[in-house]
Amino acid sequence: MTDDSNDVQESSATRGLGQTLQLVAMATLVALIAALTIDNRREVDIGWVVGESSAPLAAALVVAFLLGLGVGWLGAHRRRR
């Protein structure tokens, strides 16, 4: 019986470590994106298929990041037939 409880404790500890590492990785990614955004405030030209516009580089980075998150989420949650 004690062998089973040790396995459960080790599994729980490993899961806790994995969640902690995931949280640290996400916090590091957010801090990196925030630092890049703050450092890049100049205006940039954005070329579209039909036309061109300008926006702060920070805004372009945030929009690109959010679009990437959306595409990643859609890819992970697409339905399989």
Protein backbone atom coordinates (compact mmCIF):
# COMPACT_ATOMS: atom_id res chain seq x y z
CA MET A 1 0.00 0.00 0.00
CA THR A 2 2.78 2.45 0.77
CA ASP A 3 4.26 1.99 -2.71
CA ASP A 4 1.03 3.25 -4.29
CA SER A 5 0.87 6.30 -2.05
CA ASN A 6 4.50 7.14 -2.85
CA ASP A 7 3.70 6.95 -6.57
CA VAL A 8 0.76 9.31 -6.10
CA GLN A 9 2.91 11.76 -4.12
CA GLU A 10 5.68 11.69 -6.75
CA SER A 11 3.14 12.17 -9.54
CA SER A 12 1.58 15.10 -7.70
CA ALA A 13 4.99 16.66 -7.03
CA THR A 14 5.99 16.27 -10.69
CA ARG A 15 2.71 17.83 -11.82
CA GLY A 16 3.26 20.74 -9.42
CA LEU A 17 6.78 21.27 -10.73
CA GLY A 18 5.54 21.18 -14.32
CA GLN A 19 2.85 23.76 -13.60
CA THR A 20 5.39 25.98 -11.84
CA LEU A 21 7.80 25.77 -14.78
CA GLN A 22 4.96 26.57 -17.18
CA LEU A 23 3.98 29.61 -15.11
CA VAL A 24 7.60 30.83 -15.00
CA ALA A 25 7.94 30.37 -18.78
CA MET A 26 4.73 32.32 -19.43
CA ALA A 27 5.75 35.12 -17.05
CA THR A 28 9.15 35.33 -18.75
CA LEU A 29 7.50 35.50 -22.18
CA VAL A 30 5.12 38.26 -21.06
CA ALA A 31 8.00 40.23 -19.51
CA LEU A 32 10.04 39.86 -22.72
CA ILE A 33 7.16 41.04 -24.88
CA ALA A 34 6.51 43.97 -22.51
CA ALA A 35 10.19 44.98 -22.65
CA LEU A 36 10.25 44.80 -26.46
CA THR A 37 7.03 46.78 -26.66
CA ILE A 38 8.25 49.53 -24.34
CA ASP A 39 11.58 49.78 -26.16
CA ASN A 40 10.01 50.02 -29.64
CA ARG A 41 7.74 53.07 -29.64
CA ARG A 42 8.62 54.58 -33.00
CA GLU A 43 6.16 54.75 -35.90
CA VAL A 44 6.39 52.09 -38.61
CA ASP A 45 4.68 51.71 -41.97
CA ILE A 46 2.49 48.65 -42.32
CA GLY A 47 1.86 47.44 -45.87
CA TRP A 48 -1.49 45.81 -46.55
CA VAL A 49 -2.64 44.03 -49.67
CA VAL A 50 -4.63 47.15 -50.55
CA GLY A 51 -2.91 50.19 -49.12
CA GLU A 52 -0.56 51.16 -46.36
CA SER A 53 -0.89 52.59 -42.86
CA SER A 54 1.38 53.62 -40.04
CA ALA A 55 1.23 52.68 -36.38
CA PRO A 56 3.52 52.57 -33.37
CA LEU A 57 5.80 49.56 -33.54
CA ALA A 58 4.63 48.54 -30.05
CA ALA A 59 1.04 48.31 -31.29
CA ALA A 60 2.11 46.27 -34.32
CA LEU A 61 4.03 43.88 -32.06
CA VAL A 62 1.08 43.45 -29.71
CA VAL A 63 -1.33 42.84 -32.59
CA ALA A 64 1.04 40.32 -34.18
CA PHE A 65 1.44 38.55 -30.83
CA LEU A 66 -2.32 38.38 -30.27
CA LEU A 67 -2.91 37.12 -33.81
CA GLY A 68 -0.27 34.44 -33.22
CA LEU A 69 -1.97 33.40 -29.98
CA GLY A 70 -5.29 33.20 -31.79
CA VAL A 71 -3.92 31.09 -34.61
CA GLY A 72 -2.17 28.81 -32.12
CA TRP A 73 -5.34 28.42 -30.07
CA LEU A 74 -7.41 27.65 -33.16
CA GLY A 75 -4.85 25.08 -34.28
CA ALA A 76 -4.89 23.40 -30.89
CA HIS A 77 -8.69 23.37 -30.64
CA ARG A 78 -9.73 22.51 -34.15
CA ARG A 79 -12.19 19.67 -34.57
CA ARG A 80 -11.00 16.48 -36.12
CA ARG A 81 -13.36 14.43 -38.27
